[in-house]
């Protein structure tokens, strides 16, 4: 039996989520879905430095939208 399934059987689903940090991963995935929905699914830069800059600019834009009360859900 798979390790996580065994843990869920032993601990219960809620305790398993707390023990494995599943909830935090879920929040991170949800945040990335929102970013992709708003700004597109791909990045245009090809080099690492430009990718980092593009990601930073996207985060700044998202934070600015959020601070102005725009729906980012």
Protein backbone atom coordinates (compact mmCIF):
# COMPACT_ATOMS: atom_id res chain seq x y z
CA UNK A 1 0.00 0.00 0.00
CA UNK A 2 1.24 3.51 -0.82
CA UNK A 3 2.86 5.35 2.11
CA UNK A 4 0.45 8.31 2.09
CA UNK A 5 -2.64 6.12 1.84
CA UNK A 6 -1.37 4.09 4.78
CA UNK A 7 -0.80 7.28 6.80
CA UNK A 8 -4.28 8.54 5.96
CA UNK A 9 -5.73 5.24 7.18
CA UNK A 10 -3.72 5.45 10.40
CA UNK A 11 -4.00 9.16 11.21
CA UNK A 12 -7.07 10.36 9.39
CA UNK A 13 -7.13 12.83 6.53
CA UNK A 14 -6.88 16.05 8.57
CA UNK A 15 -3.98 14.84 10.72
CA UNK A 16 -2.24 13.55 7.58
CA UNK A 17 -2.53 17.00 5.95
CA UNK A 18 -0.98 18.64 9.01
CA UNK A 19 1.82 16.08 9.26
CA UNK A 20 2.80 16.25 5.57
CA UNK A 21 2.20 19.96 5.01
CA UNK A 22 -0.28 19.18 2.24
CA UNK A 23 -2.32 22.30 2.95
CA UNK A 24 0.65 24.61 2.31
CA UNK A 25 1.38 22.92 -1.00
CA UNK A 26 -2.28 23.31 -1.91
CA UNK A 27 -2.16 27.08 -1.20
CA UNK A 28 0.99 27.44 -3.30
CA UNK A 29 -0.60 25.56 -6.22
CA UNK A 30 -3.71 27.72 -5.97
CA UNK A 31 -1.60 30.89 -6.03
CA UNK A 32 0.21 29.70 -9.16
CA UNK A 33 -3.11 28.88 -10.85
CA UNK A 34 -4.26 32.44 -10.18
CA UNK A 35 -1.06 33.94 -11.56
CA UNK A 36 -1.29 31.80 -14.69
CA UNK A 37 -4.94 32.67 -15.20
CA UNK A 38 -4.22 36.41 -14.98
CA UNK A 39 -0.84 36.71 -16.73
CA UNK A 40 -0.72 33.68 -19.00
CA UNK A 41 0.70 30.19 -18.74
CA UNK A 42 4.19 30.82 -20.06
CA UNK A 43 7.08 33.14 -19.41
CA UNK A 44 8.72 34.89 -22.36
CA UNK A 45 12.28 35.13 -21.10
CA UNK A 46 14.82 32.44 -21.96
CA UNK A 47 17.79 33.15 -19.68
CA UNK A 48 17.77 32.66 -15.93
CA UNK A 49 18.38 36.30 -15.01
CA UNK A 50 15.57 37.47 -17.28
CA UNK A 51 13.26 34.71 -15.96
CA UNK A 52 13.89 35.91 -12.40
CA UNK A 53 13.18 39.50 -13.42
CA UNK A 54 10.00 38.51 -15.24
CA UNK A 55 8.78 36.53 -12.22
CA UNK A 56 9.55 39.49 -9.92
CA UNK A 57 7.69 41.93 -12.17
CA UNK A 58 4.70 39.58 -12.32
CA UNK A 59 4.63 39.34 -8.53
CA UNK A 60 4.81 43.14 -8.20
CA UNK A 61 1.94 43.54 -10.68
CA UNK A 62 -0.16 40.96 -8.83
CA UNK A 63 0.50 42.65 -5.47
CA UNK A 64 -0.40 46.05 -6.94
CA UNK A 65 -3.67 44.66 -8.31
CA UNK A 66 -4.43 43.08 -4.96
CA UNK A 67 -3.70 46.28 -3.02
CA UNK A 68 -6.07 48.22 -5.28
CA UNK A 69 -8.86 45.80 -4.56
CA UNK A 70 -8.92 44.08 -7.93
CA UNK A 71 -10.26 40.55 -7.90
CA UNK A 72 -7.28 38.20 -8.26
CA UNK A 73 -9.19 35.04 -7.57
